[in-house]
Amino acid sequence: MLTMLWIMSVASVAAMTAALAGRNTVDAGRNRVELERAYWKATGCARRAQAAIDEELTASPSIEGVNAAWRTLQSSVPASTLLTGCDVALEAAGTRIDLNAATDEMITNLATMLGYGAGAAEMAAALHDWIDPDDSLSAGGAEQAWYQQARRLLPRNAPLADSRELSRVRGFEDFSPFDSLVSVEPGRVSLATASATVLTALPGITSELADAIVVRQQAGAPVAELSDVLGSVSRASADALASRYPDAVRLTTPDPDAWVVRSTAVSGLRPSKVVLQWRLARLGRRAIVVQTRTIQ
């Protein structure tokens, strides 16, 4: 009798284990299906955003109109009926400062504006050291093992992969003040979409000049040339820009180098979420996908 009870108990445990394993397999399969559905939904919405951009670019009969449409996509595309039911966000490359391409002067100016004062220059130098490859410590022979071990304690010595990595750099431990102002998305600073804070970090652009550029943005008529706003600022601001005009022009663009489309989709009762990020560049009157990333 005891043997029979023991056998029945073992069989029950085995059956329960098998049922649980089967349930986990079914759940895992369901999750994969929902994740795939979310991925294709996000992809579909990203394609619809691309179509909405093409629609804006082809609607204008003149090249000037096409340029103007490209500068103001953040206001026109989200309102498109093509994006009904989609969760899509648009941001021009250069709306934020590209940490990997920013000059030490730009980082110093930005940190100064955020209240870091005398420490701003040291912060810029620390970021430069973190990103810039430096082979001066290279060694050979008996010193090679020590060098390889030391390298693990040194800065990245390569471009930042994510803007949040900035918090690992000396002086930037509190990332929150920089969160909305910096990125690792390549692109010259966009005169059509950058904030006054970002613009003032540039050489030759005073707060007054930056505010004048933002006023044009808000009016739906971004500047086509930096010189367009000189008539609406003081002589001091005009002179400041004139003294650094080549540098300011080199670091900015009236037409964003690209637009970044972020498409988010969820699927399932226990939602599986996918976030796709596409970088779109302009080719004539069309937007072409030049880079894709899956964020989640």
Protein backbone atom coordinates (compact mmCIF):
# COMPACT_ATOMS: atom_id res chain seq x y z
CA MET A 1 0.00 0.00 0.00
CA LEU A 2 2.78 2.38 0.92
CA THR A 3 4.57 1.49 -2.30
CA MET A 4 1.46 2.30 -4.32
CA LEU A 5 1.04 5.63 -2.54
CA TRP A 6 4.71 6.44 -3.17
CA ILE A 7 4.38 5.57 -6.86
CA MET A 8 1.20 7.68 -7.18
CA SER A 9 2.92 10.65 -5.50
CA VAL A 10 5.91 10.44 -7.79
CA ALA A 11 3.61 10.18 -10.82
CA SER A 12 1.62 13.22 -9.65
CA VAL A 13 4.79 15.29 -9.20
CA ALA A 14 6.03 14.22 -12.62
CA ALA A 15 2.68 15.11 -14.19
CA MET A 16 2.62 18.50 -12.49
CA THR A 17 6.21 19.18 -13.59
CA ALA A 18 5.36 18.24 -17.15
CA ALA A 19 2.23 20.42 -17.08
CA LEU A 20 4.19 23.37 -15.71
CA ALA A 21 6.90 22.92 -18.33
CA GLY A 22 4.24 22.75 -21.01
CA ARG A 23 2.58 25.88 -19.71
CA ASN A 24 5.92 27.74 -19.66
CA THR A 25 6.56 26.64 -23.23
CA VAL A 26 3.13 27.84 -24.31
CA ASP A 27 3.64 31.18 -22.53
CA ALA A 28 7.07 31.62 -24.10
CA GLY A 29 5.63 30.87 -27.52
CA ARG A 30 2.77 33.31 -26.96
CA ASN A 31 5.22 36.01 -25.87
CA ARG A 32 7.31 35.49 -29.00
CA VAL A 33 4.19 35.79 -31.15
CA GLU A 34 3.08 38.99 -29.40
CA LEU A 35 6.59 40.44 -29.67
CA GLU A 36 6.62 39.70 -33.39
CA ARG A 37 3.19 41.31 -33.79
CA ALA A 38 4.41 44.41 -31.93
CA TYR A 39 7.50 44.54 -34.15
CA TRP A 40 5.49 44.49 -37.37
CA LYS A 41 3.01 47.01 -36.01
CA ALA A 42 5.89 49.36 -35.15
CA THR A 43 7.42 48.75 -38.57
CA GLY A 44 4.13 49.55 -40.27
CA CYS A 45 3.79 52.82 -38.37
CA ALA A 46 7.39 53.78 -39.19
CA ARG A 47 6.66 53.17 -42.89
CA ARG A 48 3.51 55.27 -42.63
CA ALA A 49 5.57 58.07 -41.08
CA GLN A 50 7.99 57.81 -44.00
CA ALA A 51 5.04 58.01 -46.40
CA ALA A 52 3.71 61.09 -44.57
CA ILE A 53 7.11 62.76 -44.94
CA ASP A 54 7.17 61.96 -48.67
CA GLU A 55 3.68 63.41 -48.96
CA GLU A 56 4.85 66.68 -47.38
CA LEU A 57 7.92 66.90 -49.61
CA THR A 58 6.12 66.18 -52.87
CA ALA A 59 3.25 68.59 -52.17
CA SER A 60 5.38 71.69 -52.82
CA PRO A 61 5.93 72.84 -56.43
CA SER A 62 9.24 74.60 -55.66
CA ILE A 63 12.54 73.53 -54.18
CA GLU A 64 12.27 76.34 -51.64
CA GLY A 65 8.96 74.90 -50.52
CA VAL A 66 10.50 71.44 -50.23
CA ASN A 67 13.29 72.86 -48.07
CA ALA A 68 10.74 74.60 -45.86
CA ALA A 69 8.69 71.40 -45.55
CA TRP A 70 11.78 69.41 -44.52
CA ARG A 71 12.57 71.93 -41.79
CA THR A 72 9.10 71.76 -40.23
CA LEU A 73 8.25 68.05 -40.34
CA GLN A 74 7.89 67.91 -36.55
CA SER A 75 4.71 69.98 -36.81
CA SER A 76 3.22 68.62 -40.05
CA VAL A 77 3.84 64.86 -39.96
CA PRO A 78 2.27 63.99 -36.56
CA ALA A 79 -0.99 65.56 -37.78
CA SER A 80 -1.12 63.33 -40.87
CA THR A 81 -4.09 60.96 -41.11
CA LEU A 82 -1.63 58.27 -42.20
CA LEU A 83 -0.49 58.04 -38.58
CA THR A 84 -3.92 57.44 -37.04
CA GLY A 85 -3.55 54.76 -34.39
CA CYS A 86 0.25 54.99 -34.35
CA ASP A 87 2.60 56.03 -31.57
CA VAL A 88 5.29 57.86 -33.54
CA ALA A 89 7.71 60.58 -32.43
CA LEU A 90 9.85 62.72 -34.75
CA GLU A 91 13.04 64.60 -33.94
CA ALA A 92 15.52 66.24 -36.26
CA ALA A 93 19.15 65.23 -36.00
CA GLY A 94 20.92 68.22 -34.51
CA THR A 95 18.05 69.18 -32.23
CA ARG A 96 20.43 68.17 -29.47
CA ILE A 97 24.21 68.41 -29.31
CA ASP A 98 25.98 65.35 -30.65
CA LEU A 99 28.37 64.46 -27.83
CA ASN A 100 30.70 62.57 -30.14
CA ALA A 101 31.17 65.53 -32.49
CA ALA A 102 30.87 68.49 -30.11
CA THR A 103 33.91 70.69 -29.63
CA ASP A 104 35.38 71.32 -26.19
CA GLU A 105 34.15 74.91 -26.52
CA MET A 106 30.57 73.76 -27.08
CA ILE A 107 30.62 71.45 -24.05
CA THR A 108 32.19 74.17 -21.92
CA ASN A 109 29.55 76.69 -23.01
CA LEU A 110 26.75 74.22 -22.33
CA ALA A 111 28.02 73.29 -18.88
CA THR A 112 28.51 76.96 -18.03
CA MET A 113 24.93 77.77 -18.98
CA LEU A 114 23.75 74.91 -16.76
CA GLY A 115 25.53 76.44 -13.77
CA TYR A 116 28.77 74.46 -13.53
CA GLY A 117 30.85 77.65 -13.58
CA ALA A 118 34.60 77.26 -13.29
CA GLY A 119 34.34 73.46 -13.52
CA ALA A 120 32.86 73.57 -17.04
CA ALA A 121 36.22 73.54 -18.85
CA GLU A 122 37.40 70.57 -16.77
CA MET A 123 34.21 68.70 -17.62
CA ALA A 124 34.77 69.31 -21.34
CA ALA A 125 38.35 68.05 -21.01
CA ALA A 126 37.15 64.92 -19.18
CA LEU A 127 34.63 64.16 -21.93
CA HIS A 128 37.29 64.70 -24.59
CA ASP A 129 39.60 62.29 -22.75
CA TRP A 130 36.77 59.76 -22.41
CA ILE A 131 36.02 59.71 -26.14
CA ASP A 132 39.34 60.40 -27.84
CA PRO A 133 41.62 57.38 -28.55
CA ASP A 134 45.01 57.88 -26.89
CA ASP A 135 47.84 55.49 -27.65
CA SER A 136 50.40 57.37 -25.60
CA LEU A 137 50.21 54.72 -22.88
CA SER A 138 50.87 51.85 -25.26
CA ALA A 139 53.61 49.51 -24.11
CA GLY A 140 55.24 46.32 -25.22
CA GLY A 141 57.20 43.41 -23.88
CA ALA A 142 57.08 42.89 -20.14
CA GLU A 143 54.88 45.96 -19.69
CA GLN A 144 52.14 44.72 -22.02
CA ALA A 145 50.20 42.79 -19.34
CA TRP A 146 50.22 45.81 -17.01
CA TYR A 147 49.06 48.04 -19.84
CA GLN A 148 46.18 45.76 -20.82
CA GLN A 149 45.02 45.62 -17.20
CA ALA A 150 45.29 49.40 -16.83
CA ARG A 151 43.29 49.98 -20.01
CA ARG A 152 40.25 48.43 -18.32
CA LEU A 153 40.33 51.29 -15.81
CA LEU A 154 40.76 54.00 -18.44
CA PRO A 155 38.02 55.91 -20.28
CA ARG A 156 36.15 54.35 -23.18
CA ASN A 157 38.46 55.91 -25.81
CA ALA A 158 35.75 55.54 -28.42
CA PRO A 159 32.53 57.36 -29.35
CA LEU A 160 29.73 57.14 -26.82
CA ALA A 161 27.16 54.48 -27.72
CA ASP A 162 24.39 56.11 -25.68
CA SER A 163 24.01 59.61 -24.28
CA ARG A 164 23.37 58.17 -20.80
CA GLU A 165 26.98 56.99 -20.78
CA LEU A 166 27.82 60.64 -20.10
CA SER A 167 26.99 60.01 -16.43
CA ARG A 168 30.14 57.89 -16.20
CA VAL A 169 32.36 60.83 -17.15
CA ARG A 170 33.93 62.88 -14.36
CA GLY A 171 31.79 65.92 -13.61
CA PHE A 172 28.69 64.62 -15.42
CA GLU A 173 27.55 62.16 -12.73
CA ASP A 174 24.17 63.92 -12.58
CA PHE A 175 22.95 63.38 -16.12
CA SER A 176 19.50 64.95 -15.66
CA PRO A 177 20.44 68.56 -16.61
CA PHE A 178 21.90 67.30 -19.90
CA ASP A 179 19.26 64.71 -20.77
CA SER A 180 17.17 66.85 -23.13
CA LEU A 181 20.15 68.73 -24.58
CA VAL A 182 22.57 66.04 -25.76
CA SER A 183 22.49 62.86 -27.82
CA VAL A 184 24.76 60.58 -29.81
CA GLU A 185 22.76 61.05 -33.01
CA PRO A 186 25.10 62.42 -35.70
CA GLY A 187 24.15 65.75 -37.21
CA ARG A 188 25.04 69.41 -37.31
CA VAL A 189 23.02 71.60 -34.96
CA SER A 190 19.65 72.24 -36.60
CA LEU A 191 18.68 75.91 -36.81
CA ALA A 192 15.12 74.74 -37.50
CA THR A 193 14.62 72.73 -34.30
CA ALA A 194 17.39 73.27 -31.70
CA SER A 195 16.51 75.01 -28.44
CA ALA A 196 17.99 78.35 -27.38
CA THR A 197 20.20 76.55 -24.86
CA VAL A 198 21.69 74.29 -27.53
CA LEU A 199 22.15 77.19 -29.94
CA THR A 200 23.91 79.34 -27.32
CA ALA A 201 26.51 76.59 -26.86
CA LEU A 202 27.74 77.35 -30.38
CA PRO A 203 30.60 79.78 -31.03
CA GLY A 204 29.45 83.30 -31.86
CA ILE A 205 25.79 82.79 -30.94
CA THR A 206 24.66 84.93 -28.02
CA SER A 207 21.51 84.35 -25.99
CA GLU A 208 19.84 87.20 -27.86
CA LEU A 209 20.67 85.68 -31.23
CA ALA A 210 19.55 82.22 -30.12
CA ASP A 211 16.22 83.63 -28.93
CA ALA A 212 15.73 85.34 -32.30
CA ILE A 213 16.30 82.03 -34.10
CA VAL A 214 13.82 80.25 -31.82
CA VAL A 215 11.21 82.96 -32.45
CA ARG A 216 11.47 82.16 -36.15
CA GLN A 217 11.08 78.46 -35.39
CA GLN A 218 7.94 79.07 -33.36
CA ALA A 219 6.50 81.21 -36.14
CA GLY A 220 6.85 78.25 -38.53
CA ALA A 221 9.48 80.02 -40.64
CA PRO A 222 12.93 78.75 -39.52
CA VAL A 223 15.92 80.72 -40.72
CA ALA A 224 17.49 79.71 -44.02
CA GLU A 225 20.79 81.45 -43.16
CA LEU A 226 22.31 82.54 -39.87
CA SER A 227 22.57 86.05 -41.26
CA ASP A 228 18.77 86.21 -41.65
CA VAL A 229 18.31 87.28 -38.02
CA LEU A 230 21.10 89.86 -37.80
CA GLY A 231 18.65 92.68 -38.47
CA SER A 232 16.62 91.78 -35.37
CA VAL A 233 19.46 91.68 -32.82
CA SER A 234 21.77 94.22 -31.23
CA ARG A 235 25.05 95.33 -32.71
CA ALA A 236 26.92 93.43 -30.00
CA SER A 237 25.24 90.13 -30.95
CA ALA A 238 25.81 90.81 -34.65
CA ASP A 239 29.49 91.49 -34.01
CA ALA A 240 29.82 88.33 -31.89
CA LEU A 241 28.46 86.23 -34.76
CA ALA A 242 30.62 88.00 -37.33
CA SER A 243 33.74 87.21 -35.31
CA ARG A 244 32.98 83.46 -35.37
CA TYR A 245 30.83 83.22 -38.47
CA PRO A 246 32.82 80.46 -40.28
CA ASP A 247 32.77 78.27 -37.15
CA ALA A 248 29.06 78.84 -36.54
CA VAL A 249 28.18 78.01 -40.15
CA ARG A 250 30.32 74.86 -40.09
CA LEU A 251 28.57 73.54 -36.98
CA THR A 252 24.98 74.36 -37.99
CA THR A 253 22.53 73.69 -40.81
CA PRO A 254 19.20 75.28 -41.76
CA ASP A 255 18.03 71.94 -43.18
CA PRO A 256 18.33 69.05 -40.70
CA ASP A 257 20.85 66.44 -41.82
CA ALA A 258 18.27 63.75 -41.05
CA TRP A 259 15.09 63.05 -39.13
CA VAL A 260 14.84 60.34 -36.49
CA VAL A 261 11.51 58.49 -36.38
CA ARG A 262 10.76 56.51 -33.23
CA SER A 263 7.82 54.10 -33.55
CA THR A 264 6.42 52.34 -30.46
CA ALA A 265 3.97 49.43 -30.50
CA VAL A 266 2.59 46.97 -27.94
CA SER A 267 0.70 43.71 -28.34
CA GLY A 268 -0.92 41.14 -26.04
CA LEU A 269 -2.74 41.08 -22.72
CA ARG A 270 0.63 41.10 -21.00
CA PRO A 271 1.97 43.73 -23.35
CA SER A 272 5.07 43.00 -25.39
CA LYS A 273 6.63 46.33 -26.34
CA VAL A 274 8.84 47.20 -29.30
CA VAL A 275 10.46 50.55 -30.03
CA LEU A 276 12.00 51.05 -33.47
CA GLN A 277 14.23 53.99 -34.35
CA TRP A 278 14.76 54.89 -38.00
CA ARG A 279 17.07 57.58 -39.33
CA LEU A 280 15.71 59.16 -42.51
CA ALA A 281 17.74 61.32 -44.87
CA ARG A 282 16.42 63.41 -47.72
CA LEU A 283 16.96 62.46 -51.34
CA GLY A 284 15.31 65.06 -53.54
CA ARG A 285 11.61 64.92 -52.70
CA ARG A 286 11.82 61.59 -50.89
CA ALA A 287 12.92 60.41 -47.47
CA ILE A 288 15.09 57.31 -47.43
CA VAL A 289 15.90 55.05 -44.50
CA VAL A 290 19.64 55.09 -43.83
CA GLN A 291 19.71 53.40 -40.40
CA THR A 292 17.40 51.24 -38.30
CA ARG A 293 17.63 50.26 -34.65
CA THR A 294 15.45 48.25 -32.31
CA ILE A 295 15.50 50.02 -28.96
CA GLN A 296 13.38 47.44 -27.10
